[in-house]
PDB file of N, CA and C in Angstrom:
ATOM      1  N   UNK A   1      90.125  67.982  92.556  1.00  0.00           N
ATOM      2  CA  UNK A   1      89.008  67.208  93.767  1.00  0.00           C
ATOM      3  C   UNK A   1      87.447  67.486  93.731  1.00  0.00           C
ATOM      4  N   UNK A   2      87.272  66.217  93.051  1.00  0.00           N
ATOM      5  CA  UNK A   2      85.502  66.519  93.074  1.00  0.00           C
ATOM      6  C   UNK A   2      84.820  65.612  93.875  1.00  0.00           C
ATOM      7  N   UNK A   3      83.641  65.839  94.590  1.00  0.00           N
ATOM      8  CA  UNK A   3      82.785  65.002  95.048  1.00  0.00           C
ATOM      9  C   UNK A   3      81.746  64.911  94.642  1.00  0.00           C
ATOM     10  N   UNK A   4      80.879  63.569  95.222  1.00  0.00           N
ATOM     11  CA  UNK A   4      80.102  62.835  93.759  1.00  0.00           C
ATOM     12  C   UNK A   4      79.023  62.708  94.864  1.00  0.00           C
ATOM     13  N   UNK A   5      77.851  62.852  95.376  1.00  0.00           N
ATOM     14  CA  UNK A   5      76.990  62.689  96.134  1.00  0.00           C
ATOM     15  C   UNK A   5      75.679  61.808  95.278  1.00  0.00           C
ATOM     16  N   UNK A   6      75.201  60.517  95.846  1.00  0.00           N
ATOM     17  CA  UNK A   6      74.194  60.163  95.556  1.00  0.00           C
ATOM     18  C   UNK A   6      73.104  59.689  96.451  1.00  0.00           C
ATOM     19  N   UNK A   7      71.999  59.078  96.102  1.00  0.00           N
ATOM     20  CA  UNK A   7      71.147  58.275  97.015  1.00  0.00           C
ATOM     21  C   UNK A   7      69.978  59.168  97.011  1.00  0.00           C
ATOM     22  N   UNK A   8      69.768  60.618  97.064  1.00  0.00           N
ATOM     23  CA  UNK A   8      68.672  61.063  97.528  1.00  0.00           C
ATOM     24  C   UNK A   8      67.320  60.136  96.849  1.00  0.00           C
ATOM     25  N   UNK A   9      65.952  60.905  97.014  1.00  0.00           N
ATOM     26  CA  UNK A   9      64.959  60.553  96.674  1.00  0.00           C
ATOM     27  C   UNK A   9      63.484  60.846  97.020  1.00  0.00           C
ATOM     28  N   UNK A  10      62.688  60.723  96.953  1.00  0.00           N
ATOM     29  CA  UNK A  10      61.259  60.645  97.718  1.00  0.00           C
ATOM     30  C   UNK A  10      60.980  59.731  98.443  1.00  0.00           C
ATOM     31  N   UNK A  11      60.601  59.307  99.612  1.00  0.00           N
ATOM     32  CA  UNK A  11      59.877  58.432 100.701  1.00  0.00           C
ATOM     33  C   UNK A  11      58.765  58.881 101.270  1.00  0.00           C
ATOM     34  N   UNK A  12      58.301  58.266 101.782  1.00  0.00           N
ATOM     35  CA  UNK A  12      56.803  58.697 102.524  1.00  0.00           C
ATOM     36  C   UNK A  12      57.749  58.472 104.142  1.00  0.00           C
ATOM     37  N   UNK A  13      56.715  58.959 105.045  1.00  0.00           N
ATOM     38  CA  UNK A  13      57.429  59.247 106.211  1.00  0.00           C
ATOM     39  C   UNK A  13      57.317  57.950 107.158  1.00  0.00           C
ATOM     40  N   UNK A  14      58.568  57.586 107.737  1.00  0.00           N
ATOM     41  CA  UNK A  14      58.741  56.403 108.361  1.00  0.00           C
ATOM     42  C   UNK A  14      59.735  55.812 107.505  1.00  0.00           C
ATOM     43  N   UNK A  15      59.948  55.929 105.832  1.00  0.00           N
ATOM     44  CA  UNK A  15      60.959  55.275 105.471  1.00  0.00           C
ATOM     45  C   UNK A  15      62.364  55.578 105.683  1.00  0.00           C
ATOM     46  N   UNK A  16      62.680  54.846 104.827  1.00  0.00           N
ATOM     47  CA  UNK A  16      64.738  54.891 104.816  1.00  0.00           C
ATOM     48  C   UNK A  16      65.416  55.343 103.742  1.00  0.00           C
ATOM     49  N   UNK A  17      66.564  56.259 103.351  1.00  0.00           N
ATOM     50  CA  UNK A  17      67.510  56.452 102.187  1.00  0.00           C
ATOM     51  C   UNK A  17      68.831  55.923 103.132  1.00  0.00           C
ATOM     52  N   UNK A  18      69.811  55.901 101.740  1.00  0.00           N
ATOM     53  CA  UNK A  18      71.495  55.921 102.356  1.00  0.00           C
ATOM     54  C   UNK A  18      71.667  56.582 101.180  1.00  0.00           C
ATOM     55  N   UNK A  19      72.361  57.964 101.826  1.00  0.00           N
ATOM     56  CA  UNK A  19      72.943  58.741 100.631  1.00  0.00           C
ATOM     57  C   UNK A  19      74.774  58.214 100.525  1.00  0.00           C
ATOM     58  N   UNK A  20      75.396  58.288 100.048  1.00  0.00           N
ATOM     59  CA  UNK A  20      76.946  58.209  99.564  1.00  0.00           C
ATOM     60  C   UNK A  20      77.298  59.559  98.857  1.00  0.00           C
ATOM     61  N   UNK A  21      78.608  59.873  99.445  1.00  0.00           N
ATOM     62  CA  UNK A  21      79.121  60.672  98.665  1.00  0.00           C
ATOM     63  C   UNK A  21      80.339  60.326  98.301  1.00  0.00           C
ATOM     64  N   UNK A  22      81.389  60.132  97.529  1.00  0.00           N
ATOM     65  CA  UNK A  22      82.490  59.791  97.079  1.00  0.00           C
ATOM     66  C   UNK A  22      83.276  60.890  96.490  1.00  0.00           C
ATOM     67  N   UNK A  23      84.521  61.027  97.235  1.00  0.00           N
ATOM     68  CA  UNK A  23      85.671  61.894  96.147  1.00  0.00           C
ATOM     69  C   UNK A  23      86.569  61.243  95.410  1.00  0.00           C
ATOM     70  N   UNK A  24      87.133  62.142  94.752  1.00  0.00           N
ATOM     71  CA  UNK A  24      87.972  61.666  93.509  1.00  0.00           C
ATOM     72  C   UNK A  24      88.822  62.464  93.098  1.00  0.00           C
ATOM     73  N   UNK A  25      90.118  62.062  93.007  1.00  0.00           N
ATOM     74  CA  UNK A  25      91.273  63.205  91.936  1.00  0.00           C
ATOM     75  C   UNK A  25      91.957  62.902  92.744  1.00  0.00           C
ATOM     76  N   UNK A  26      93.090  64.237  92.954  1.00  0.00           N
ATOM     77  CA  UNK A  26      94.636  63.713  93.614  1.00  0.00           C
ATOM     78  C   UNK A  26      94.363  64.050  95.149  1.00  0.00           C
ATOM     79  N   UNK A  27      94.284  62.888  95.776  1.00  0.00           N
ATOM     80  CA  UNK A  27      94.086  63.051  96.960  1.00  0.00           C
ATOM     81  C   UNK A  27      94.741  62.317  97.912  1.00  0.00           C
ATOM     82  N   UNK A  28      95.609  63.412  98.418  1.00  0.00           N
ATOM     83  CA  UNK A  28      96.670  62.542  99.691  1.00  0.00           C
ATOM     84  C   UNK A  28      95.782  61.762 101.204  1.00  0.00           C
ATOM     85  N   UNK A  29      95.055  62.863 101.678  1.00  0.00           N
ATOM     86  CA  UNK A  29      94.167  62.314 102.803  1.00  0.00           C
ATOM     87  C   UNK A  29      92.940  62.974 102.980  1.00  0.00           C
ATOM     88  N   UNK A  30      92.221  62.385 103.774  1.00  0.00           N
ATOM     89  CA  UNK A  30      90.512  63.226 103.825  1.00  0.00           C
ATOM     90  C   UNK A  30      90.697  63.370 105.410  1.00  0.00           C
ATOM     91  N   UNK A  31      90.497  64.149 106.096  1.00  0.00           N
ATOM     92  CA  UNK A  31      90.096  64.533 107.181  1.00  0.00           C
ATOM     93  C   UNK A  31      88.869  64.545 107.835  1.00  0.00           C
ATOM     94  N   UNK A  32      88.242  65.291 108.187  1.00  0.00           N
ATOM     95  CA  UNK A  32      86.493  65.526 108.365  1.00  0.00           C
ATOM     96  C   UNK A  32      85.545  64.993 107.451  1.00  0.00           C
ATOM     97  N   UNK A  33      84.549  64.705 107.395  1.00  0.00           N
ATOM     98  CA  UNK A  33      83.784  64.300 106.824  1.00  0.00           C
ATOM     99  C   UNK A  33      82.351  64.366 107.134  1.00  0.00           C
ATOM    100  N   UNK A  34      81.320  65.003 106.389  1.00  0.00           N
ATOM    101  CA  UNK A  34      80.046  65.202 107.046  1.00  0.00           C
ATOM    102  C   UNK A  34      78.621  65.499 105.935  1.00  0.00           C
ATOM    103  N   UNK A  35      77.859  65.747 106.354  1.00  0.00           N
ATOM    104  CA  UNK A  35      76.573  65.979 106.020  1.00  0.00           C
ATOM    105  C   UNK A  35      75.974  66.863 106.403  1.00  0.00           C
ATOM    106  N   UNK A  36      75.647  67.923 105.682  1.00  0.00           N
ATOM    107  CA  UNK A  36      74.669  69.238 105.988  1.00  0.00           C
ATOM    108  C   UNK A  36      73.388  69.304 104.801  1.00  0.00           C
ATOM    109  N   UNK A  37      72.538  70.002 105.490  1.00  0.00           N
ATOM    110  CA  UNK A  37      71.008  70.251 104.707  1.00  0.00           C
ATOM    111  C   UNK A  37      70.642  71.490 104.367  1.00  0.00           C
ATOM    112  N   UNK A  38      70.087  71.685 103.817  1.00  0.00           N
ATOM    113  CA  UNK A  38      69.295  73.028 103.404  1.00  0.00           C
ATOM    114  C   UNK A  38      68.152  72.840 103.079  1.00  0.00           C
ATOM    115  N   UNK A  39      66.930  73.196 103.536  1.00  0.00           N
ATOM    116  CA  UNK A  39      65.527  72.902 103.566  1.00  0.00           C
ATOM    117  C   UNK A  39      65.088  74.633 102.643  1.00  0.00           C
ATOM    118  N   UNK A  40      64.358  74.556 102.020  1.00  0.00           N
ATOM    119  CA  UNK A  40      63.839  75.945 101.225  1.00  0.00           C
ATOM    120  C   UNK A  40      63.870  76.895 102.409  1.00  0.00           C
ATOM    121  N   UNK A  41      64.360  77.830 101.821  1.00  0.00           N
ATOM    122  CA  UNK A  41      64.106  79.186 103.034  1.00  0.00           C
ATOM    123  C   UNK A  41      65.030  79.087 104.187  1.00  0.00           C
ATOM    124  N   UNK A  42      65.635  78.232 104.417  1.00  0.00           N
ATOM    125  CA  UNK A  42      66.291  77.961 105.836  1.00  0.00           C
ATOM    126  C   UNK A  42      67.875  78.036 105.695  1.00  0.00           C
ATOM    127  N   UNK A  43      68.497  78.357 106.422  1.00  0.00           N
ATOM    128  CA  UNK A  43      70.058  78.189 106.283  1.00  0.00           C
ATOM    129  C   UNK A  43      70.361  76.746 106.184  1.00  0.00           C
ATOM    130  N   UNK A  44      71.971  76.659 105.831  1.00  0.00           N
ATOM    131  CA  UNK A  44      72.267  75.175 105.567  1.00  0.00           C
ATOM    132  C   UNK A  44      72.718  75.316 107.179  1.00  0.00           C
ATOM    133  N   UNK A  45      72.448  73.820 107.558  1.00  0.00           N
ATOM    134  CA  UNK A  45      73.026  73.506 109.046  1.00  0.00           C
ATOM    135  C   UNK A  45      73.569  71.847 109.032  1.00  0.00           C
ATOM    136  N   UNK A  46      74.040  71.448 109.934  1.00  0.00           N
ATOM    137  CA  UNK A  46      75.361  70.223 109.989  1.00  0.00           C
ATOM    138  C   UNK A  46      74.242  69.294 110.554  1.00  0.00           C
ATOM    139  N   UNK A  47      74.226  68.066 109.428  1.00  0.00           N
ATOM    140  CA  UNK A  47      73.673  66.902 110.217  1.00  0.00           C
ATOM    141  C   UNK A  47      74.506  65.870 110.939  1.00  0.00           C
ATOM    142  N   UNK A  48      75.408  65.560 110.071  1.00  0.00           N
ATOM    143  CA  UNK A  48      76.499  64.987 111.189  1.00  0.00           C
ATOM    144  C   UNK A  48      78.065  65.278 110.825  1.00  0.00           C
ATOM    145  N   UNK A  49      79.123  64.723 111.419  1.00  0.00           N
ATOM    146  CA  UNK A  49      80.151  64.862 110.803  1.00  0.00           C
ATOM    147  C   UNK A  49      80.826  63.937 111.612  1.00  0.00           C
ATOM    148  N   UNK A  50      82.074  62.988 110.771  1.00  0.00           N
ATOM    149  CA  UNK A  50      82.820  62.066 111.249  1.00  0.00           C
ATOM    150  C   UNK A  50      84.162  62.710 111.083  1.00  0.00           C
ATOM    151  N   UNK A  51      84.931  62.298 112.169  1.00  0.00           N
ATOM    152  CA  UNK A  51      86.549  62.488 111.988  1.00  0.00           C
ATOM    153  C   UNK A  51      87.188  61.925 111.567  1.00  0.00           C
ATOM    154  N   UNK A  52      88.392  61.515 111.287  1.00  0.00           N
ATOM    155  CA  UNK A  52      89.860  60.629 110.316  1.00  0.00           C
ATOM    156  C   UNK A  52      89.893  59.625 111.176  1.00  0.00           C
ATOM    157  N   UNK A  53      89.580  59.820 112.749  1.00  0.00           N
ATOM    158  CA  UNK A  53      89.731  58.820 113.884  1.00  0.00           C
ATOM    159  C   UNK A  53      88.607  58.566 114.404  1.00  0.00           C
ATOM    160  N   UNK A  54      87.142  58.535 113.528  1.00  0.00           N
ATOM    161  CA  UNK A  54      85.935  57.962 113.643  1.00  0.00           C
ATOM    162  C   UNK A  54      85.297  58.804 114.929  1.00  0.00           C
ATOM    163  N   UNK A  55      85.652  59.912 115.495  1.00  0.00           N
ATOM    164  CA  UNK A  55      84.610  60.538 116.218  1.00  0.00           C
ATOM    165  C   UNK A  55      83.563  61.286 115.326  1.00  0.00           C
ATOM    166  N   UNK A  56      82.585  60.897 115.829  1.00  0.00           N
ATOM    167  CA  UNK A  56      81.085  60.916 115.550  1.00  0.00           C
ATOM    168  C   UNK A  56      79.943  62.544 116.142  1.00  0.00           C
ATOM    169  N   UNK A  57      79.819  63.106 115.355  1.00  0.00           N
ATOM    170  CA  UNK A  57      78.864  64.308 115.961  1.00  0.00           C
ATOM    171  C   UNK A  57      77.382  64.214 115.352  1.00  0.00           C
ATOM    172  N   UNK A  58      76.317  64.071 115.770  1.00  0.00           N
ATOM    173  CA  UNK A  58      75.009  64.403 115.109  1.00  0.00           C
ATOM    174  C   UNK A  58      74.386  65.620 115.529  1.00  0.00           C
ATOM    175  N   UNK A  59      73.803  65.910 114.584  1.00  0.00           N
ATOM    176  CA  UNK A  59      72.961  67.591 115.400  1.00  0.00           C
ATOM    177  C   UNK A  59      71.727  66.964 115.773  1.00  0.00           C
ATOM    178  N   UNK A  60      71.640  67.422 116.958  1.00  0.00           N
ATOM    179  CA  UNK A  60      69.919  66.608 118.063  1.00  0.00           C
ATOM    180  C   UNK A  60      69.184  66.044 117.070  1.00  0.00           C
ATOM    181  N   UNK A  61      68.147  66.773 115.678  1.00  0.00           N
ATOM    182  CA  UNK A  61      67.369  66.567 115.161  1.00  0.00           C
ATOM    183  C   UNK A  61      67.351  64.949 114.685  1.00  0.00           C
ATOM    184  N   UNK A  62      68.543  64.290 114.578  1.00  0.00           N
ATOM    185  CA  UNK A  62      68.480  63.317 113.717  1.00  0.00           C
ATOM    186  C   UNK A  62      69.572  62.223 114.682  1.00  0.00           C
ATOM    187  N   UNK A  63      69.534  62.827 115.805  1.00  0.00           N
ATOM    188  CA  UNK A  63      69.985  61.396 116.984  1.00  0.00           C
ATOM    189  C   UNK A  63      69.437  60.384 116.803  1.00  0.00           C
ATOM    190  N   UNK A  64      69.939  59.086 116.974  1.00  0.00           N
ATOM    191  CA  UNK A  64      69.173  57.863 117.029  1.00  0.00           C
ATOM    192  C   UNK A  64      68.115  57.460 115.398  1.00  0.00           C
ATOM    193  N   UNK A  65      67.748  58.350 114.669  1.00  0.00           N
ATOM    194  CA  UNK A  65      67.479  58.090 113.229  1.00  0.00           C
ATOM    195  C   UNK A  65      68.452  57.935 112.257  1.00  0.00           C
ATOM    196  N   UNK A  66      69.540  58.558 112.449  1.00  0.00           N
ATOM    197  CA  UNK A  66      70.600  58.898 111.234  1.00  0.00           C
ATOM    198  C   UNK A  66      71.897  58.207 111.714  1.00  0.00           C
ATOM    199  N   UNK A  67      72.690  57.719 110.713  1.00  0.00           N
ATOM    200  CA  UNK A  67      73.965  57.237 110.895  1.00  0.00           C
ATOM    201  C   UNK A  67      75.124  57.545 110.098  1.00  0.00           C
ATOM    202  N   UNK A  68      76.385  58.325 110.355  1.00  0.00           N
ATOM    203  CA  UNK A  68      76.972  58.641 109.010  1.00  0.00           C
ATOM    204  C   UNK A  68      78.176  57.475 109.569  1.00  0.00           C
ATOM    205  N   UNK A  69      78.989  57.078 108.401  1.00  0.00           N
ATOM    206  CA  UNK A  69      79.949  55.999 108.591  1.00  0.00           C
ATOM    207  C   UNK A  69      80.825  56.722 107.118  1.00  0.00           C
ATOM    208  N   UNK A  70      82.296  55.887 107.164  1.00  0.00           N
ATOM    209  CA  UNK A  70      82.879  56.366 106.054  1.00  0.00           C
ATOM    210  C   UNK A  70      83.492  55.103 105.581  1.00  0.00           C
ATOM    211  N   UNK A  71      84.019  55.732 104.733  1.00  0.00           N
ATOM    212  CA  UNK A  71      84.981  54.154 104.029  1.00  0.00           C
ATOM    213  C   UNK A  71      86.452  54.990 103.626  1.00  0.00           C
ATOM    214  N   UNK A  72      87.064  54.793 104.616  1.00  0.00           N
ATOM    215  CA  UNK A  72      88.620  55.746 103.935  1.00  0.00           C
ATOM    216  C   UNK A  72      88.918  54.879 102.597  1.00  0.00           C
ATOM    217  N   UNK A  73      89.076  54.071 102.621  1.00  0.00           N
ATOM    218  CA  UNK A  73      89.941  53.067 101.107  1.00  0.00           C
ATOM    219  C   UNK A  73      88.957  53.606  99.998  1.00  0.00           C
ATOM    220  N   UNK A  74      87.831  54.135  99.999  1.00  0.00           N
ATOM    221  CA  UNK A  74      87.145  54.082  98.898  1.00  0.00           C
ATOM    222  C   UNK A  74      86.913  55.833  98.930  1.00  0.00           C
ATOM    223  N   UNK A  75      87.191  56.598 100.151  1.00  0.00           N
ATOM    224  CA  UNK A  75      87.080  57.905 100.160  1.00  0.00           C
ATOM    225  C   UNK A  75      85.552  58.449 100.420  1.00  0.00           C
ATOM    226  N   UNK A  76      85.020  57.879 100.316  1.00  0.00           N
ATOM    227  CA  UNK A  76      83.764  57.834 100.830  1.00  0.00           C
ATOM    228  C   UNK A  76      82.811  58.024 102.155  1.00  0.00           C
ATOM    229  N   UNK A  77      81.763  58.491 102.461  1.00  0.00           N
ATOM    230  CA  UNK A  77      81.290  59.206 103.292  1.00  0.00           C
ATOM    231  C   UNK A  77      79.744  58.703 103.229  1.00  0.00           C
ATOM    232  N   UNK A  78      78.881  57.937 103.808  1.00  0.00           N
ATOM    233  CA  UNK A  78      77.648  57.768 103.950  1.00  0.00           C
ATOM    234  C   UNK A  78      76.991  58.169 105.001  1.00  0.00           C
ATOM    235  N   UNK A  79      75.353  58.293 104.507  1.00  0.00           N
ATOM    236  CA  UNK A  79      74.576  58.445 105.969  1.00  0.00           C
ATOM    237  C   UNK A  79      73.042  57.932 105.594  1.00  0.00           C
ATOM    238  N   UNK A  80      73.057  56.890 106.645  1.00  0.00           N
ATOM    239  CA  UNK A  80      71.912  56.138 106.568  1.00  0.00           C
ATOM    240  C   UNK A  80      70.727  57.103 107.018  1.00  0.00           C
ATOM    241  N   UNK A  81      69.585  56.736 106.717  1.00  0.00           N
ATOM    242  CA  UNK A  81      68.809  57.830 107.206  1.00  0.00           C
ATOM    243  C   UNK A  81      67.408  56.720 107.295  1.00  0.00           C
ATOM    244  N   UNK A  82      66.903  56.694 109.030  1.00  0.00           N
ATOM    245  CA  UNK A  82      66.067  55.674 109.232  1.00  0.00           C
ATOM    246  C   UNK A  82      64.628  56.781 109.670  1.00  0.00           C
ATOM    247  N   UNK A  83      63.674  56.406 109.593  1.00  0.00           N
ATOM    248  CA  UNK A  83      62.580  56.835 110.493  1.00  0.00           C
ATOM    249  C   UNK A  83      62.159  58.264 109.638  1.00  0.00           C
ATOM    250  N   UNK A  84      62.594  58.580 108.487  1.00  0.00           N
ATOM    251  CA  UNK A  84      62.385  59.964 107.985  1.00  0.00           C
ATOM    252  C   UNK A  84      61.271  60.865 108.557  1.00  0.00           C
ATOM    253  N   UNK A  85      61.445  61.743 108.367  1.00  0.00           N
ATOM    254  CA  UNK A  85      60.220  62.471 108.799  1.00  0.00           C
ATOM    255  C   UNK A  85      59.917  63.471 107.666  1.00  0.00           C
ATOM    256  N   UNK A  86      59.085  64.478 107.434  1.00  0.00           N
ATOM    257  CA  UNK A  86      58.523  65.259 106.738  1.00  0.00           C
ATOM    258  C   UNK A  86      59.578  66.673 106.468  1.00  0.00           C
ATOM    259  N   UNK A  87      59.883  66.840 107.734  1.00  0.00           N
ATOM    260  CA  UNK A  87      60.477  68.073 108.372  1.00  0.00           C
ATOM    261  C   UNK A  87      62.166  67.689 107.793  1.00  0.00           C
ATOM    262  N   UNK A  88      62.049  66.562 107.782  1.00  0.00           N
ATOM    263  CA  UNK A  88      63.972  65.773 107.418  1.00  0.00           C
ATOM    264  C   UNK A  88      64.036  66.839 105.512  1.00  0.00           C
ATOM    265  N   UNK A  89      62.889  66.641 104.780  1.00  0.00           N
ATOM    266  CA  UNK A  89      63.006  66.955 103.546  1.00  0.00           C
ATOM    267  C   UNK A  89      63.830  68.231 103.234  1.00  0.00           C
ATOM    268  N   UNK A  90      64.622  68.251 102.117  1.00  0.00           N
ATOM    269  CA  UNK A  90      65.885  69.117 102.140  1.00  0.00           C
ATOM    270  C   UNK A  90      66.818  68.912 100.782  1.00  0.00           C
ATOM    271  N   UNK A  91      68.065  69.540 100.662  1.00  0.00           N
ATOM    272  CA  UNK A  91      68.689  68.899 100.150  1.00  0.00           C
ATOM    273  C   UNK A  91      70.163  69.045 100.742  1.00  0.00           C
ATOM    274  N   UNK A  92      70.743  67.678 100.862  1.00  0.00           N
ATOM    275  CA  UNK A  92      71.792  67.047 101.354  1.00  0.00           C
ATOM    276  C   UNK A  92      73.244  67.688 100.586  1.00  0.00           C
ATOM    277  N   UNK A  93      74.012  67.724 101.763  1.00  0.00           N
ATOM    278  CA  UNK A  93      75.562  68.497 100.931  1.00  0.00           C
ATOM    279  C   UNK A  93      76.364  67.696 101.579  1.00  0.00           C
ATOM    280  N   UNK A  94      76.924  66.824 100.941  1.00  0.00           N
ATOM    281  CA  UNK A  94      78.602  66.250 101.799  1.00  0.00           C
ATOM    282  C   UNK A  94      79.449  66.988 101.703  1.00  0.00           C
ATOM    283  N   UNK A  95      80.554  67.512 102.590  1.00  0.00           N
ATOM    284  CA  UNK A  95      81.471  68.111 102.487  1.00  0.00           C
ATOM    285  C   UNK A  95      82.751  67.486 103.202  1.00  0.00           C
ATOM    286  N   UNK A  96      83.859  67.753 102.974  1.00  0.00           N
ATOM    287  CA  UNK A  96      84.995  66.832 103.179  1.00  0.00           C
ATOM    288  C   UNK A  96      86.182  68.061 103.445  1.00  0.00           C
ATOM    289  N   UNK A  97      87.287  67.512 104.317  1.00  0.00           N
ATOM    290  CA  UNK A  97      88.334  68.510 104.457  1.00  0.00           C
ATOM    291  C   UNK A  97      89.451  67.799 103.816  1.00  0.00           C
ATOM    292  N   UNK A  98      90.032  67.750 102.670  1.00  0.00           N
ATOM    293  CA  UNK A  98      91.128  67.185 101.811  1.00  0.00           C
ATOM    294  C   UNK A  98      92.405  67.792 101.450  1.00  0.00           C
ATOM    295  N   UNK A  99      93.321  67.020 102.066  1.00  0.00           N
ATOM    296  CA  UNK A  99      94.730  67.283 101.967  1.00  0.00           C
ATOM    297  C   UNK A  99      95.071  66.183 100.773  1.00  0.00           C
ATOM    298  N   UNK A 100      95.216  67.451  99.400  1.00  0.00           N
ATOM    299  CA  UNK A 100      95.252  67.182  98.105  1.00  0.00           C
ATOM    300  C   UNK A 100      96.773  66.376  97.767  1.00  0.00           C
ATOM    301  N   UNK A 101      96.889  65.976  96.938  1.00  0.00           N
ATOM    302  CA  UNK A 101      98.586  65.247  96.770  1.00  0.00           C
ATOM    303  C   UNK A 101      99.584  66.346  96.565  1.00  0.00           C
ATOM    304  N   UNK A 102      99.092  67.563  96.203  1.00  0.00           N
ATOM    305  CA  UNK A 102     100.280  68.983  96.375  1.00  0.00           C
ATOM    306  C   UNK A 102     100.006  69.625  97.656  1.00  0.00           C
ATOM    307  N   UNK A 103      99.354  68.674  98.667  1.00  0.00           N
ATOM    308  CA  UNK A 103      99.642  68.838 100.177  1.00  0.00           C
ATOM    309  C   UNK A 103      98.884  70.357 100.718  1.00  0.00           C
ATOM    310  N   UNK A 104      97.932  70.408  99.917  1.00  0.00           N
ATOM    311  CA  UNK A 104      96.876  71.791  99.891  1.00  0.00           C
ATOM    312  C   UNK A 104      95.305  71.485 100.465  1.00  0.00           C
ATOM    313  N   UNK A 105      95.635  71.978 101.586  1.00  0.00           N
ATOM    314  CA  UNK A 105      94.286  71.614 102.697  1.00  0.00           C
ATOM    315  C   UNK A 105      93.344  72.572 102.056  1.00  0.00           C
ATOM    316  N   UNK A 106      91.726  71.928 101.986  1.00  0.00           N
ATOM    317  CA  UNK A 106      90.603  72.977 101.730  1.00  0.00           C
ATOM    318  C   UNK A 106      89.004  72.232 102.187  1.00  0.00           C
ATOM    319  N   UNK A 107      88.353  72.902 101.954  1.00  0.00           N
ATOM    320  CA  UNK A 107      86.941  71.825 102.342  1.00  0.00           C
ATOM    321  C   UNK A 107      86.445  71.837 101.223  1.00  0.00           C
ATOM    322  N   UNK A 108      85.713  70.666 100.728  1.00  0.00           N
ATOM    323  CA  UNK A 108      84.741  70.700  99.308  1.00  0.00           C
ATOM    324  C   UNK A 108      83.368  70.231  99.631  1.00  0.00           C
ATOM    325  N   UNK A 109      82.712  70.594  98.578  1.00  0.00           N
ATOM    326  CA  UNK A 109      81.377  70.293  98.867  1.00  0.00           C
ATOM    327  C   UNK A 109      80.720  69.443  97.857  1.00  0.00           C
ATOM    328  N   UNK A 110      79.538  68.463  97.884  1.00  0.00           N
ATOM    329  CA  UNK A 110      79.241  67.546  97.115  1.00  0.00           C
ATOM    330  C   UNK A 110      78.257  68.830  96.504  1.00  0.00           C
ATOM    331  N   UNK A 111      77.575  68.069  94.849  1.00  0.00           N
ATOM    332  CA  UNK A 111      76.399  69.109  94.469  1.00  0.00           C
ATOM    333  C   UNK A 111      75.420  69.174  95.086  1.00  0.00           C
ATOM    334  N   UNK A 112      75.062  68.183  96.305  1.00  0.00           N
ATOM    335  CA  UNK A 112      73.915  68.297  96.432  1.00  0.00           C
ATOM    336  C   UNK A 112      73.037  67.265  95.932  1.00  0.00           C
ATOM    337  N   UNK A 113      72.178  66.595  97.075  1.00  0.00           N
ATOM    338  CA  UNK A 113      70.860  65.344  96.395  1.00  0.00           C
ATOM    339  C   UNK A 113      69.480  66.137  97.240  1.00  0.00           C
ATOM    340  N   UNK A 114      68.460  65.979  96.604  1.00  0.00           N
ATOM    341  CA  UNK A 114      67.479  65.938  96.990  1.00  0.00           C
ATOM    342  C   UNK A 114      66.675  65.211  97.843  1.00  0.00           C
ATOM    343  N   UNK A 115      66.373  65.306  99.101  1.00  0.00           N
ATOM    344  CA  UNK A 115      65.960  64.380  99.838  1.00  0.00           C
ATOM    345  C   UNK A 115      63.822  65.039 100.106  1.00  0.00           C
ATOM    346  N   UNK A 116      62.990  64.036  99.663  1.00  0.00           N
ATOM    347  CA  UNK A 116      61.669  64.648 100.086  1.00  0.00           C
ATOM    348  C   UNK A 116      61.094  63.539 100.704  1.00  0.00           C
ATOM    349  N   UNK A 117      60.667  64.159 101.753  1.00  0.00           N
ATOM    350  CA  UNK A 117      59.566  63.223 102.940  1.00  0.00           C
ATOM    351  C   UNK A 117      58.153  63.479 102.734  1.00  0.00           C
ATOM    352  N   UNK A 118      57.282  62.624 102.295  1.00  0.00           N
ATOM    353  CA  UNK A 118      56.252  63.600 102.155  1.00  0.00           C
ATOM    354  C   UNK A 118      55.585  62.276 103.362  1.00  0.00           C
ATOM    355  N   UNK A 119      54.252  62.917 104.129  1.00  0.00           N
ATOM    356  CA  UNK A 119      53.314  62.601 104.912  1.00  0.00           C
ATOM    357  C   UNK A 119      52.182  61.871 104.771  1.00  0.00           C
TER     358      UNK A 119
END
C-alpha cells in the first residue's frame, strides 16, 4: 500500500490550494483519513480528519477555512484550503487507516507536500 500526496505549492496570503492524497495497492477498506502538518521546528499536528462514516474533526486553527472530504471509490482524501495565512506554511502529510486485502490494519503516511504562504 502506498499513499501519494499532491497539490502543494506557493501562494500569497488569502489564496487557496487543494491537496489530494490517493492510496493504491492491495486495499480492502480504508477507515479514517486525515491531514497533518509540520512546520519547521515544530511537532506534527492534526489539521483535519474524516471517518469512513463521514464524521469530521478540524483543528481549531483551520475551522471555517479548510474543508476535508473523501472519495471512497478513488481511495482519495482531499483538503481544500482557503484564506491561507503565512502561519499555515508547513509540510502537509496525509494519513490513512487501511485494512489491506490480507486483512491487516495499520496506519500509512504519504510523503508530504510543501505548502508555502507568503505575506
